[in-house]
Amino acid sequence: RLGLGRIRQELAGKGLDAQAVSEALAGLKASELQRAREVWQRKFGEAATDPKERARQGRFLLARGFSGEVVRRVLALDD
């Protein structure tokens, strides 16, 4: 449900050291795009029809901690 940025913030906030956070994130990096697509699908389900809606969807994913590149790929429906 969360991107790497948000997970990093949450783990650091819990007091984990940088090494432990890095190790935890290394295993999650490969699945970030898939997680972002699943979150987007549950929330929106269909591609934006106008720039305003596309921006809203992008902000939602960014707030969840997904990187700009991942958000761009999800919204462009690349693959």
Protein backbone atom coordinates (compact mmCIF):
# COMPACT_ATOMS: atom_id res chain seq x y z
CA ARG A 1 0.00 0.00 0.00
CA LEU A 2 2.98 2.31 0.40
CA GLY A 3 5.92 3.37 -1.71
CA LEU A 4 9.57 3.17 -0.77
CA GLY A 5 9.75 6.80 0.34
CA ARG A 6 6.92 6.41 2.80
CA ILE A 7 8.19 3.06 4.08
CA ARG A 8 11.65 4.58 4.63
CA GLN A 9 10.08 7.43 6.61
CA GLU A 10 7.96 5.06 8.71
CA LEU A 11 10.87 2.76 9.55
CA ALA A 12 13.18 5.64 10.42
CA GLY A 13 10.44 7.08 12.60
CA LYS A 14 10.32 3.81 14.53
CA GLY A 15 13.98 4.23 15.39
CA LEU A 16 15.56 1.66 13.08
CA ASP A 17 19.12 2.37 12.03
CA ALA A 18 19.94 3.32 8.44
CA GLN A 19 21.45 -0.10 7.64
CA ALA A 20 18.32 -1.97 8.70
CA VAL A 21 16.12 0.43 6.73
CA SER A 22 18.28 -0.02 3.61
CA GLU A 23 18.10 -3.80 3.89
CA ALA A 24 14.33 -3.74 4.27
CA LEU A 25 13.88 -1.43 1.28
CA ALA A 26 16.18 -3.48 -0.96
CA GLY A 27 13.71 -6.35 -0.92
CA LEU A 28 10.75 -4.11 -1.71
CA LYS A 29 12.23 -2.11 -4.59
CA ALA A 30 11.45 -4.74 -7.23
CA SER A 31 7.75 -4.74 -6.41
CA GLU A 32 7.19 -0.97 -6.12
CA LEU A 33 5.62 -0.57 -9.57
CA GLN A 34 3.26 -3.49 -9.01
CA ARG A 35 2.24 -2.16 -5.58
CA ALA A 36 1.60 1.29 -7.04
CA ARG A 37 -0.59 -0.18 -9.78
CA GLU A 38 -2.60 -2.16 -7.24
CA VAL A 39 -3.14 0.91 -5.04
CA TRP A 40 -4.11 3.00 -8.09
CA GLN A 41 -6.50 0.29 -9.35
CA ARG A 42 -8.27 0.00 -5.99
CA LYS A 43 -8.67 3.76 -5.63
CA PHE A 44 -9.41 4.88 -9.20
CA GLY A 45 -9.87 1.89 -11.50
CA GLU A 46 -9.77 3.82 -14.75
CA ALA A 47 -7.38 6.20 -16.48
CA ALA A 48 -7.85 9.92 -16.03
CA THR A 49 -9.76 11.64 -18.81
CA ASP A 50 -8.45 15.15 -18.19
CA PRO A 51 -5.27 16.79 -16.82
CA LYS A 52 -6.94 17.81 -13.56
CA GLU A 53 -7.92 14.23 -12.72
CA ARG A 54 -4.52 12.94 -13.81
CA ALA A 55 -2.85 15.42 -11.43
CA ARG A 56 -5.14 14.32 -8.61
CA GLN A 57 -4.29 10.67 -9.18
CA GLY A 58 -0.58 11.51 -9.32
CA ARG A 59 -0.72 13.46 -6.06
CA PHE A 60 -2.47 10.54 -4.40
CA LEU A 61 0.29 8.12 -5.38
CA LEU A 62 3.05 10.58 -4.47
CA ALA A 63 1.48 11.05 -1.03
CA ARG A 64 1.65 7.28 -0.58
CA GLY A 65 5.42 7.49 -1.03
CA PHE A 66 5.79 6.22 -4.58
CA SER A 67 8.56 7.79 -6.65
CA GLY A 68 7.82 10.21 -9.46
CA GLU A 69 9.05 7.69 -12.03
CA VAL A 70 6.72 4.99 -10.71
CA VAL A 71 3.79 7.41 -10.67
CA ARG A 72 4.53 8.43 -14.25
CA ARG A 73 4.61 4.81 -15.36
CA VAL A 74 1.36 3.95 -13.58
CA LEU A 75 -0.51 6.95 -14.98
CA ALA A 76 0.88 6.42 -18.49
CA LEU A 77 -0.01 2.73 -18.17
CA ASP A 78 3.40 1.80 -19.61
CA ASP A 79 4.42 -1.81 -19.88
